[in-house]
Amino acid sequence: MAYRLSRLAPGSYDVLLNGVIIASLVRSGDTDNATWTGELLVDLRPAERPAPFTEMEHTFGSLEEARHWLGDAEIRDADIQSKI
């Protein structure tokens, strides 16, 4: 599975799996002591959740920790033209 993060705004990303948005990743708190939360957008039964999601929501201490958990997901800026 190939995850990619699409940057929407500072501290906010779409999480794409094979080109489909399946989750969000957002920063909470000040940048010095922020936490990052990845949350699936659709409430799936545990057996249907894409790995590594074992819960609907996971919390991380940094963006790098979340990226690594998602298989070292690539970060790209959102393509504004495709959303117009």
Protein backbone atom coordinates (compact mmCIF):
# COMPACT_ATOMS: atom_id res chain seq x y z
CA MET A 1 0.00 0.00 0.00
CA ALA A 2 1.32 3.42 -0.94
CA TYR A 3 0.29 6.27 1.33
CA ARG A 4 0.76 9.91 0.40
CA LEU A 5 0.10 13.06 2.43
CA SER A 6 -1.40 16.03 0.62
CA ARG A 7 -0.75 19.29 2.46
CA LEU A 8 -3.90 21.42 2.72
CA ALA A 9 -2.73 24.12 5.13
CA PRO A 10 -0.10 24.33 7.85
CA GLY A 11 -0.75 21.37 10.15
CA SER A 12 -3.43 19.78 7.97
CA TYR A 13 -3.11 16.91 5.49
CA ASP A 14 -5.29 14.55 3.52
CA VAL A 15 -4.07 10.96 3.77
CA LEU A 16 -4.32 9.22 0.41
CA LEU A 17 -4.07 5.49 -0.15
CA ASN A 18 -3.45 4.59 -3.77
CA GLY A 19 -4.78 8.01 -4.81
CA VAL A 20 -7.97 7.94 -2.69
CA ILE A 21 -8.46 10.18 0.36
CA ILE A 22 -9.15 7.85 3.28
CA ALA A 23 -8.10 9.86 6.35
CA SER A 24 -7.02 13.20 7.70
CA LEU A 25 -3.87 14.08 9.62
CA VAL A 26 -4.01 17.26 11.69
CA ARG A 27 -1.83 19.01 14.24
CA SER A 28 -3.26 20.07 17.59
CA GLY A 29 -1.59 22.52 19.92
CA ASP A 30 1.46 24.74 19.67
CA THR A 31 4.16 23.68 17.25
CA ASP A 32 6.61 23.10 20.13
CA ASN A 33 4.41 20.55 21.90
CA ALA A 34 1.91 19.61 19.20
CA THR A 35 0.28 16.24 18.77
CA TRP A 36 -0.77 14.85 15.41
CA THR A 37 -3.96 12.86 14.91
CA GLY A 38 -4.70 10.58 11.99
CA GLU A 39 -8.39 9.74 11.62
CA LEU A 40 -10.15 7.57 9.07
CA LEU A 41 -12.94 9.41 7.28
CA VAL A 42 -15.28 6.42 7.11
CA ASP A 43 -16.23 4.36 10.16
CA LEU A 44 -15.04 0.93 9.06
CA ARG A 45 -15.18 -2.33 10.98
CA PRO A 46 -11.75 -3.35 12.29
CA ALA A 47 -11.35 -6.07 9.64
CA GLU A 48 -12.00 -3.53 6.85
CA ARG A 49 -9.55 -0.84 8.01
CA PRO A 50 -6.48 -0.41 5.83
CA ALA A 51 -3.21 -1.25 7.58
CA PRO A 52 -1.78 0.13 9.76
CA PHE A 53 -5.09 1.58 11.06
CA THR A 54 -6.22 -0.67 13.90
CA GLU A 55 -8.44 2.07 15.36
CA MET A 56 -10.41 4.89 13.77
CA GLU A 57 -8.00 7.42 15.26
CA HIS A 58 -4.28 7.32 16.08
CA THR A 59 -2.18 9.97 17.83
CA PHE A 60 1.49 10.77 17.20
CA GLY A 61 4.12 12.98 18.79
CA SER A 62 5.32 14.43 15.47
CA LEU A 63 4.61 14.61 11.77
CA GLU A 64 7.68 12.45 11.14
CA GLU A 65 6.33 9.77 13.49
CA ALA A 66 3.02 9.74 11.60
CA ARG A 67 4.79 9.62 8.22
CA HIS A 68 6.91 6.69 9.34
CA TRP A 69 3.83 4.85 10.67
CA LEU A 70 2.25 5.29 7.24
CA GLY A 71 5.21 3.61 5.56
CA ASP A 72 7.28 6.79 5.14
CA ALA A 73 4.49 8.49 3.23
CA GLU A 74 5.51 11.09 0.67
CA ILE A 75 4.33 14.67 1.30
CA ARG A 76 2.99 16.76 -1.56
CA ASP A 77 1.25 20.12 -1.68
CA ALA A 78 -2.40 19.83 -2.64
CA ASP A 79 -3.04 20.40 -6.33
CA ILE A 80 -5.33 23.42 -6.14
CA GLN A 81 -6.32 23.21 -9.82
CA SER A 82 -7.77 19.72 -9.45
CA LYS A 83 -10.10 20.97 -6.68
CA ILE A 84 -11.61 23.84 -8.68
